[in-house]
Amino acid sequence: MKVAVIGVNHKTAPIRVREKVSFTESKKIEGANLLLDNGIEEVIILSTCNRSEIYIVAKDIDSKIEVVKDFYEDYFDENEIREYLFDKKHKQAINHIYEVASGLDSLVLGEDQILGQAKEAILFSMELGFSGKILNKLFREAITTSKNIKSETKISENPLSISYIGVKFLKEKLGTLKNKKALIIGVGKMSILALKHLMEEDLDEIYMANRSHKKVLDLSDDFPMVKPIEYEKRYEILKEVDIVITATASPHTIIRKEEIMDIDNEVYIMDIALPRDVEESVSELSNINVYDIDDLKKISDENEQRRIELSKVAKEIIDESTNEFLDWMSSIKVDPTIKSLNERCSDIQKDTLEYIYRKLDLDCREKKIIEKMLNSALKRVVREPIIKLKSTKDEGKVKDYTNIIEELFDL
């Protein structure tokens, strides 16, 4: 079995491409089932605003990589997607998820949000039976390694989320956010982070809207300065605000050019949703300044160089963890042989005990002692071959050893 990852991310594809191949929950279910039906053994789909990546386990990994590429093209009906797709297999793929979970492959180096998204991806796949022994362990180890890196290097100590950089970006554009008025659309993690960062900027008013108004009302209990507004009134409030931060999960645009033609005031909109919330033509209006996730690439944070240095330490930890996982993958190749060997021992134990019990009149205590002694003796017989199998890294020798054991023990 081999591991591979296929997909697009902020390094390989612009936002206009990434948003076309993002996965909703229902698309994840449908897509994973289609891939499993095509002979892929395990699947985990990791879909965020910056990446759409499919992790797979299969025997004939090269052909299955092509299956996934065909899937991207056919399922999303995107002929141009192939030129943006990347693929990595086995060691490179394993290393990739370690770097992704640790925030080393993120737009913002060392950011924390991706760790939660990796956790959600594995839980989703485990609950629906899309992933198995290999991907489950791979993602768990990647998550554990990420936590160790963050603990040892403090690479995520300063808040550098997309939301944080978005607020900082708007502040640079306006000079100051003090006494300004803002509208936040959406109540997800990114919106709440944006809200928290805006609250540090001494704004005059912060309005909040969401398709579910109750969620905004509930949120305003924890954030009294937030003024909830009905989602349907979002265009009206645009006439009163200076900045807008929108981060919804809507599959369609929620701010359209035709609805804001009559707005006279200058508005700065930060669209950190994917797919984008703001219709592309909105930026044609002279008084409306629209920015999206790709614009945030241009920002250079003062801690960037420090994070780059810390990332070198993190990559050393990841290299070690990657090699440990590869060793584990080599060891599980002999699992079927070890299982058969243990089953053979169990059969011998069962037959032997049945013979002893027929010949001897033993009480319950004596039977237990004999069972334990026989079990221990049989384990001693197979212990050395099992240890040798698990510790051997040479694939040729492993194959020879398994063949010999299977032949000798008639497995």
Protein backbone atom coordinates (compact mmCIF):
# COMPACT_ATOMS: atom_id res chain seq x y z
CA MET A 1 0.00 0.00 0.00
CA LYS A 2 1.16 3.54 -0.80
CA VAL A 3 -0.03 7.01 0.23
CA ALA A 4 -0.61 9.92 -2.15
CA VAL A 5 -2.09 13.42 -2.09
CA ILE A 6 -3.59 15.18 -5.10
CA GLY A 7 -5.14 18.64 -5.24
CA VAL A 8 -4.67 22.39 -5.44
CA ASN A 9 -3.60 24.95 -2.85
CA HIS A 10 -2.67 28.61 -2.61
CA LYS A 11 0.78 27.82 -4.02
CA THR A 12 -0.43 26.07 -7.16
CA ALA A 13 -3.70 27.78 -8.07
CA PRO A 14 -5.31 31.25 -7.86
CA ILE A 15 -8.49 31.77 -5.90
CA ARG A 16 -10.70 31.66 -9.03
CA VAL A 17 -9.57 28.05 -9.54
CA ARG A 18 -9.58 26.97 -5.87
CA GLU A 19 -13.14 28.13 -5.30
CA LYS A 20 -14.37 26.00 -8.21
CA VAL A 21 -13.07 22.79 -6.63
CA SER A 22 -13.93 23.40 -2.97
CA PHE A 23 -15.91 20.68 -1.22
CA THR A 24 -19.12 21.12 0.72
CA GLU A 25 -19.97 18.35 3.18
CA SER A 26 -22.29 16.65 0.70
CA LYS A 27 -19.65 16.83 -2.04
CA LYS A 28 -17.12 15.21 0.29
CA ILE A 29 -19.48 12.29 0.87
CA GLU A 30 -20.30 11.89 -2.81
CA GLY A 31 -16.71 12.36 -3.94
CA ALA A 32 -15.21 9.94 -1.41
CA ASN A 33 -17.72 7.25 -2.37
CA LEU A 34 -16.92 7.70 -6.07
CA LEU A 35 -13.20 7.33 -5.37
CA LEU A 36 -13.68 4.24 -3.18
CA ASP A 37 -15.83 2.71 -5.93
CA ASN A 38 -12.86 3.16 -8.27
CA GLY A 39 -10.58 0.86 -6.28
CA ILE A 40 -9.00 3.35 -3.90
CA GLU A 41 -8.64 1.82 -0.42
CA GLU A 42 -8.84 4.91 1.82
CA VAL A 43 -9.78 8.58 1.31
CA ILE A 44 -9.60 11.80 3.32
CA ILE A 45 -10.61 15.11 1.74
CA LEU A 46 -9.13 18.28 3.23
CA SER A 47 -10.94 21.34 1.85
CA THR A 48 -10.27 24.85 3.20
CA CYS A 49 -10.17 28.38 1.79
CA ASN A 50 -6.56 27.80 0.72
CA ARG A 51 -6.57 24.17 -0.38
CA SER A 52 -8.57 21.32 -1.86
CA GLU A 53 -6.55 18.14 -1.27
CA ILE A 54 -7.47 14.47 -1.52
CA TYR A 55 -5.36 11.96 0.44
CA ILE A 56 -5.56 8.35 -0.71
CA VAL A 57 -4.16 4.89 0.02
CA ALA A 58 -3.94 2.34 -2.78
CA LYS A 59 -1.84 -0.53 -4.10
CA ASP A 60 -1.29 0.74 -7.65
CA ILE A 61 -0.73 4.32 -6.53
CA ASP A 62 0.29 5.80 -9.90
CA SER A 63 -2.89 4.71 -11.64
CA LYS A 64 -5.03 5.85 -8.69
CA ILE A 65 -3.42 9.31 -8.80
CA GLU A 66 -4.72 9.55 -12.36
CA VAL A 67 -8.14 8.40 -11.13
CA VAL A 68 -8.22 11.33 -8.68
CA LYS A 69 -7.10 13.79 -11.37
CA ASP A 70 -9.87 12.53 -13.65
CA PHE A 71 -12.29 12.89 -10.74
CA TYR A 72 -11.37 16.56 -10.23
CA GLU A 73 -11.85 17.25 -13.92
CA ASP A 74 -15.13 15.34 -14.34
CA TYR A 75 -16.82 15.95 -10.99
CA PHE A 76 -16.29 19.71 -11.03
CA ASP A 77 -16.54 19.93 -14.83
CA GLU A 78 -13.32 21.95 -15.01
CA ASN A 79 -11.16 21.23 -18.04
CA GLU A 80 -8.37 23.59 -16.97
CA ILE A 81 -7.98 22.09 -13.48
CA ARG A 82 -5.29 19.61 -14.50
CA GLU A 83 -2.69 22.31 -15.12
CA TYR A 84 -3.06 23.45 -11.49
CA LEU A 85 -3.19 20.03 -9.79
CA PHE A 86 -0.18 18.81 -7.85
CA ASP A 87 0.46 15.27 -6.69
CA LYS A 88 2.86 13.76 -4.19
CA LYS A 89 3.28 10.12 -3.30
CA HIS A 90 4.41 8.12 -0.33
CA LYS A 91 7.27 9.85 1.56
CA GLN A 92 6.54 13.23 -0.04
CA ALA A 93 2.80 12.84 0.61
CA ILE A 94 3.39 11.81 4.23
CA ASN A 95 5.74 14.75 4.73
CA HIS A 96 3.18 17.05 3.13
CA ILE A 97 0.37 16.37 5.63
CA TYR A 98 2.83 16.85 8.51
CA GLU A 99 3.75 20.27 7.10
CA VAL A 100 0.12 21.14 6.38
CA ALA A 101 -1.07 20.24 9.92
CA SER A 102 1.82 22.21 11.42
CA GLY A 103 0.98 25.34 9.44
CA LEU A 104 4.27 25.22 7.50
CA ASP A 105 2.41 24.97 4.18
CA SER A 106 -0.07 27.74 5.01
CA LEU A 107 -0.39 31.22 3.55
CA VAL A 108 0.42 32.46 7.05
CA LEU A 109 3.39 30.42 8.27
CA GLY A 110 2.59 28.56 11.48
CA GLU A 111 -1.10 29.52 11.65
CA ASP A 112 -3.33 27.44 13.93
CA GLN A 113 -6.60 27.18 12.03
CA ILE A 114 -5.44 24.41 9.70
CA LEU A 115 -4.84 22.08 12.66
CA GLY A 116 -8.53 22.19 13.57
CA GLN A 117 -9.46 21.68 9.93
CA ALA A 118 -7.21 18.59 9.73
CA LYS A 119 -8.91 17.21 12.86
CA GLU A 120 -12.35 17.78 11.34
CA ALA A 121 -11.27 16.08 8.10
CA ILE A 122 -10.11 12.89 9.80
CA LEU A 123 -13.12 12.70 12.12
CA PHE A 124 -15.46 13.16 9.17
CA SER A 125 -13.77 10.38 7.18
CA MET A 126 -13.55 8.03 10.16
CA GLU A 127 -17.23 8.44 11.03
CA LEU A 128 -18.30 7.69 7.46
CA GLY A 129 -15.79 4.87 6.96
CA PHE A 130 -13.84 6.55 4.15
CA SER A 131 -10.45 6.28 5.88
CA GLY A 132 -8.79 3.26 7.46
CA LYS A 133 -5.78 2.08 9.41
CA ILE A 134 -3.13 3.95 7.40
CA LEU A 135 -4.71 7.40 6.86
CA ASN A 136 -6.20 7.43 10.36
CA LYS A 137 -2.77 6.89 11.90
CA LEU A 138 -1.12 9.31 9.45
CA PHE A 139 -3.46 12.17 10.30
CA ARG A 140 -3.33 11.43 14.05
CA GLU A 141 0.48 11.43 13.98
CA ALA A 142 0.51 14.64 11.91
CA ILE A 143 -1.78 16.33 14.44
CA THR A 144 0.34 15.13 17.38
CA THR A 145 3.55 16.27 15.68
CA SER A 146 1.97 19.66 14.98
CA LYS A 147 1.16 20.10 18.67
CA ASN A 148 4.73 19.15 19.61
CA ILE A 149 6.14 21.67 17.12
CA LYS A 150 3.94 24.48 18.39
CA SER A 151 4.89 23.62 21.97
CA GLU A 152 8.63 23.47 21.28
CA THR A 153 9.04 26.37 18.84
CA LYS A 154 6.15 28.69 19.85
CA ILE A 155 5.79 29.31 16.11
CA SER A 156 2.09 30.18 16.54
CA GLU A 157 2.52 32.40 19.58
CA ASN A 158 1.52 35.64 17.82
CA PRO A 159 -1.95 35.85 16.24
CA LEU A 160 -1.39 35.65 12.50
CA SER A 161 -4.61 34.15 11.22
CA ILE A 162 -6.14 35.16 7.88
CA SER A 163 -8.66 37.18 9.89
CA TYR A 164 -5.88 39.01 11.73
CA ILE A 165 -3.99 39.83 8.55
CA GLY A 166 -7.24 40.90 6.89
CA VAL A 167 -7.92 43.41 9.67
CA LYS A 168 -4.31 44.60 9.56
CA PHE A 169 -4.56 44.96 5.78
CA LEU A 170 -7.68 47.15 6.07
CA LYS A 171 -6.03 49.24 8.76
CA GLU A 172 -3.09 49.91 6.46
CA LYS A 173 -5.43 50.91 3.62
CA LEU A 174 -7.42 53.36 5.76
CA GLY A 175 -4.56 54.55 7.96
CA THR A 176 -6.59 53.84 11.10
CA LEU A 177 -9.75 52.00 12.07
CA LYS A 178 -10.46 54.25 15.02
CA ASN A 179 -14.01 55.67 14.97
CA LYS A 180 -14.79 53.70 11.79
CA LYS A 181 -17.89 51.61 11.25
CA ALA A 182 -17.67 47.95 10.23
CA LEU A 183 -19.98 45.21 9.03
CA ILE A 184 -19.11 41.54 9.50
CA ILE A 185 -21.12 39.01 7.49
CA GLY A 186 -21.02 35.44 8.82
CA VAL A 187 -20.59 33.98 12.31
CA GLY A 188 -18.03 31.23 11.66
CA LYS A 189 -14.54 30.95 13.18
CA MET A 190 -12.97 33.42 10.78
CA SER A 191 -15.71 35.99 11.38
CA ILE A 192 -15.41 35.71 15.16
CA LEU A 193 -11.62 36.06 14.94
CA ALA A 194 -12.07 39.15 12.77
CA LEU A 195 -14.52 40.52 15.32
CA LYS A 196 -12.05 40.04 18.16
CA HIS A 197 -9.29 41.81 16.25
CA LEU A 198 -11.61 44.66 15.26
CA MET A 199 -12.59 45.14 18.91
CA GLU A 200 -8.95 46.03 19.62
CA GLU A 201 -9.05 48.88 17.07
CA ASP A 202 -11.48 51.23 18.86
CA LEU A 203 -14.14 51.29 16.14
CA ASP A 204 -17.26 53.38 16.49
CA GLU A 205 -19.75 50.66 15.46
CA ILE A 206 -19.53 46.95 14.58
CA TYR A 207 -22.57 45.48 12.84
CA MET A 208 -23.00 41.78 12.26
CA ALA A 209 -25.27 39.87 9.89
CA ASN A 210 -25.84 36.21 9.14
CA ARG A 211 -28.41 34.19 7.25
CA SER A 212 -29.48 32.75 10.62
CA HIS A 213 -30.26 35.87 12.64
CA LYS A 214 -30.55 33.87 15.87
CA LYS A 215 -26.85 33.00 15.68
CA VAL A 216 -25.99 36.70 15.58
CA LEU A 217 -28.28 37.39 18.53
CA ASP A 218 -26.63 34.57 20.49
CA LEU A 219 -23.20 35.95 19.63
CA SER A 220 -24.12 39.45 20.77
CA ASP A 221 -24.62 38.06 24.29
CA ASP A 222 -20.86 37.44 24.45
CA PHE A 223 -19.98 40.57 22.49
CA PRO A 224 -22.29 43.39 23.71
CA MET A 225 -20.76 45.97 21.37
CA VAL A 226 -21.98 44.01 18.32
CA LYS A 227 -25.12 45.38 16.70
CA PRO A 228 -27.08 42.53 15.08
CA ILE A 229 -28.81 43.37 11.82
CA GLU A 230 -31.11 41.28 9.65
CA TYR A 231 -29.28 39.54 6.81
CA GLU A 232 -31.72 41.01 4.29
CA LYS A 233 -30.69 44.53 5.38
CA ARG A 234 -26.99 44.04 4.64
CA TYR A 235 -27.16 46.28 1.56
CA GLU A 236 -28.80 49.08 3.53
CA ILE A 237 -26.09 49.04 6.19
CA LEU A 238 -23.37 49.17 3.51
CA LYS A 239 -24.34 52.83 3.02
CA GLU A 240 -23.29 53.54 6.62
CA VAL A 241 -20.08 51.58 7.08
CA ASP A 242 -16.43 52.09 6.13
CA ILE A 243 -15.32 48.46 6.04
CA VAL A 244 -16.89 45.06 5.43
CA ILE A 245 -15.43 41.68 6.33
CA THR A 246 -17.33 38.78 4.86
CA ALA A 247 -16.63 35.10 5.57
CA THR A 248 -19.71 32.98 4.97
CA ALA A 249 -20.03 29.38 3.77
CA SER A 250 -22.45 30.40 1.02
CA PRO A 251 -21.93 28.60 -2.31
CA HIS A 252 -23.11 31.78 -4.09
CA THR A 253 -22.07 35.43 -3.97
CA ILE A 254 -23.93 37.45 -1.33
CA ILE A 255 -22.81 40.95 -2.34
CA ARG A 256 -23.73 41.76 -5.93
CA LYS A 257 -22.94 44.79 -8.06
CA GLU A 258 -26.54 45.48 -9.09
CA GLU A 259 -27.58 45.78 -5.43
CA ILE A 260 -25.01 48.44 -4.47
CA MET A 261 -25.00 50.75 -7.49
CA ASP A 262 -26.61 53.51 -5.42
CA ILE A 263 -23.98 53.52 -2.66
CA ASP A 264 -22.05 56.82 -2.61
CA ASN A 265 -19.73 56.32 0.36
CA GLU A 266 -16.32 54.69 0.01
CA VAL A 267 -16.27 51.14 1.33
CA TYR A 268 -13.37 48.73 1.82
CA ILE A 269 -14.45 45.08 1.56
CA MET A 270 -12.29 42.18 2.73
CA ASP A 271 -13.69 38.95 1.29
CA ILE A 272 -12.06 36.03 3.13
CA ALA A 273 -14.63 33.43 2.06
CA LEU A 274 -14.13 30.64 -0.43
CA PRO A 275 -16.02 30.47 -2.68
CA ARG A 276 -15.89 34.28 -2.65
CA ASP A 277 -18.85 36.16 -1.18
CA VAL A 278 -18.44 39.26 -3.34
CA GLU A 279 -19.31 39.28 -7.01
CA GLU A 280 -16.18 39.96 -9.06
CA SER A 281 -17.77 42.91 -10.91
CA VAL A 282 -18.26 44.81 -7.63
CA SER A 283 -14.64 45.92 -7.87
CA GLU A 284 -15.56 47.89 -11.02
CA LEU A 285 -17.31 50.46 -8.84
CA SER A 286 -14.92 53.34 -8.16
CA ASN A 287 -15.96 53.81 -4.52
CA ILE A 288 -15.93 50.12 -3.58
CA ASN A 289 -12.52 48.60 -2.84
CA VAL A 290 -12.62 44.81 -2.84
CA TYR A 291 -9.84 42.55 -1.58
CA ASP A 292 -9.71 38.78 -1.20
CA ILE A 293 -7.47 36.07 0.25
CA ASP A 294 -4.94 36.33 -2.57
CA ASP A 295 -4.36 40.01 -1.78
CA LEU A 296 -3.18 38.99 1.69
CA LYS A 297 -0.17 37.28 0.12
CA LYS A 298 1.28 40.75 -0.40
CA ILE A 299 1.47 41.49 3.31
CA SER A 300 4.79 40.93 5.02
CA ASP A 301 4.48 40.51 8.76
CA GLU A 302 7.32 41.66 11.02
CA ASN A 303 7.56 38.16 12.51
CA GLU A 304 7.86 36.41 9.15
CA GLN A 305 11.64 35.99 9.27
CA ARG A 306 11.47 34.67 12.82
CA ARG A 307 8.86 32.14 11.76
CA ILE A 308 10.98 31.05 8.82
CA GLU A 309 13.86 30.33 11.20
CA LEU A 310 11.55 28.40 13.53
CA SER A 311 10.16 26.47 10.59
CA LYS A 312 13.63 24.99 9.99
CA VAL A 313 13.48 23.43 13.45
CA ALA A 314 9.93 22.29 12.76
CA LYS A 315 10.98 20.60 9.52
CA GLU A 316 13.65 18.62 11.36
CA ILE A 317 10.95 17.33 13.71
CA ILE A 318 8.72 16.52 10.73
CA ASP A 319 11.51 14.64 8.91
CA GLU A 320 12.01 12.45 11.97
CA SER A 321 8.26 11.84 12.32
CA THR A 322 7.95 11.06 8.59
CA ASN A 323 10.68 8.41 8.83
CA GLU A 324 9.00 6.89 11.90
CA PHE A 325 5.73 6.64 9.99
CA LEU A 326 7.47 5.03 7.02
CA ASP A 327 9.01 2.46 9.39
CA TRP A 328 5.54 1.76 10.77
CA MET A 329 4.16 1.33 7.24
CA SER A 330 6.93 -1.15 6.47
CA SER A 331 6.15 -3.10 9.62
CA ILE A 332 2.42 -3.47 8.87
CA LYS A 333 3.23 -5.28 5.62
CA VAL A 334 3.93 -8.35 7.76
CA ASP A 335 0.70 -8.01 9.78
CA PRO A 336 -1.16 -10.67 7.75
CA THR A 337 1.73 -13.15 8.28
CA ILE A 338 1.88 -12.39 12.01
CA LYS A 339 -1.88 -12.74 12.28
CA SER A 340 -1.77 -16.11 10.52
CA LEU A 341 1.11 -17.20 12.75
CA ASN A 342 -0.81 -16.28 15.89
CA GLU A 343 -3.91 -18.03 14.58
CA ARG A 344 -1.81 -21.14 13.91
CA CYS A 345 -0.57 -21.04 17.50
CA SER A 346 -4.14 -20.67 18.76
CA ASP A 347 -5.19 -23.74 16.74
CA ILE A 348 -2.29 -25.76 18.16
CA GLN A 349 -3.14 -24.62 21.68
CA LYS A 350 -6.81 -25.52 21.23
CA ASP A 351 -6.06 -29.00 19.81
CA THR A 352 -3.45 -29.70 22.50
CA LEU A 353 -5.73 -28.65 25.36
CA GLU A 354 -8.60 -30.73 24.02
CA TYR A 355 -6.29 -33.78 23.96
CA ILE A 356 -5.00 -33.13 27.51
CA TYR A 357 -8.50 -32.62 28.89
CA ARG A 358 -9.63 -35.93 27.35
CA LYS A 359 -6.73 -37.83 28.92
CA LEU A 360 -6.59 -36.14 32.35
CA ASP A 361 -9.20 -35.33 34.94
CA LEU A 362 -8.26 -31.75 35.88
CA ASP A 363 -10.02 -29.23 38.06
CA CYS A 364 -10.64 -25.62 36.97
CA ARG A 365 -7.49 -24.26 38.63
CA GLU A 366 -5.24 -26.89 37.01
CA LYS A 367 -6.75 -26.20 33.59
CA LYS A 368 -6.03 -22.46 33.94
CA ILE A 369 -2.38 -23.15 34.88
CA ILE A 370 -1.88 -25.47 31.88
CA GLU A 371 -3.56 -22.97 29.51
CA LYS A 372 -1.26 -20.17 30.67
CA MET A 373 1.88 -22.33 30.44
CA LEU A 374 1.01 -23.59 26.96
CA ASN A 375 0.11 -20.10 25.73
CA SER A 376 3.39 -18.72 27.08
CA ALA A 377 5.42 -21.52 25.51
CA LEU A 378 3.86 -21.04 22.08
CA LYS A 379 4.42 -17.26 22.24
CA ARG A 380 8.09 -17.88 23.03
CA VAL A 381 8.38 -20.04 19.91
CA VAL A 382 7.06 -17.31 17.57
CA ARG A 383 8.34 -14.24 19.42
CA GLU A 384 11.76 -14.12 17.72
CA PRO A 385 10.43 -14.54 14.16
CA ILE A 386 7.85 -11.80 14.80
CA ILE A 387 10.46 -9.41 16.23
CA LYS A 388 12.76 -10.13 13.29
CA LEU A 389 9.97 -9.49 10.81
CA LYS A 390 8.96 -6.19 12.39
CA SER A 391 12.49 -4.85 12.77
CA THR A 392 13.72 -5.70 9.26
CA LYS A 393 13.67 -2.64 6.99
CA ASP A 394 15.02 -4.30 3.84
CA GLU A 395 11.90 -5.02 1.76
CA GLY A 396 13.60 -7.90 -0.05
CA LYS A 397 14.48 -9.62 3.22
CA VAL A 398 11.00 -9.03 4.63
CA LYS A 399 9.50 -10.76 1.59
CA ASP A 400 11.93 -13.67 1.94
CA TYR A 401 11.26 -14.03 5.67
CA THR A 402 7.47 -13.99 5.25
CA ASN A 403 7.67 -16.62 2.49
CA ILE A 404 9.85 -18.88 4.66
CA ILE A 405 7.60 -18.51 7.73
CA GLU A 406 4.46 -19.14 5.72
CA GLU A 407 6.00 -22.23 4.15
CA LEU A 408 7.48 -23.63 7.39
CA PHE A 409 4.34 -23.11 9.43
CA ASP A 410 2.01 -24.04 6.55
CA LEU A 411 0.16 -20.70 6.81
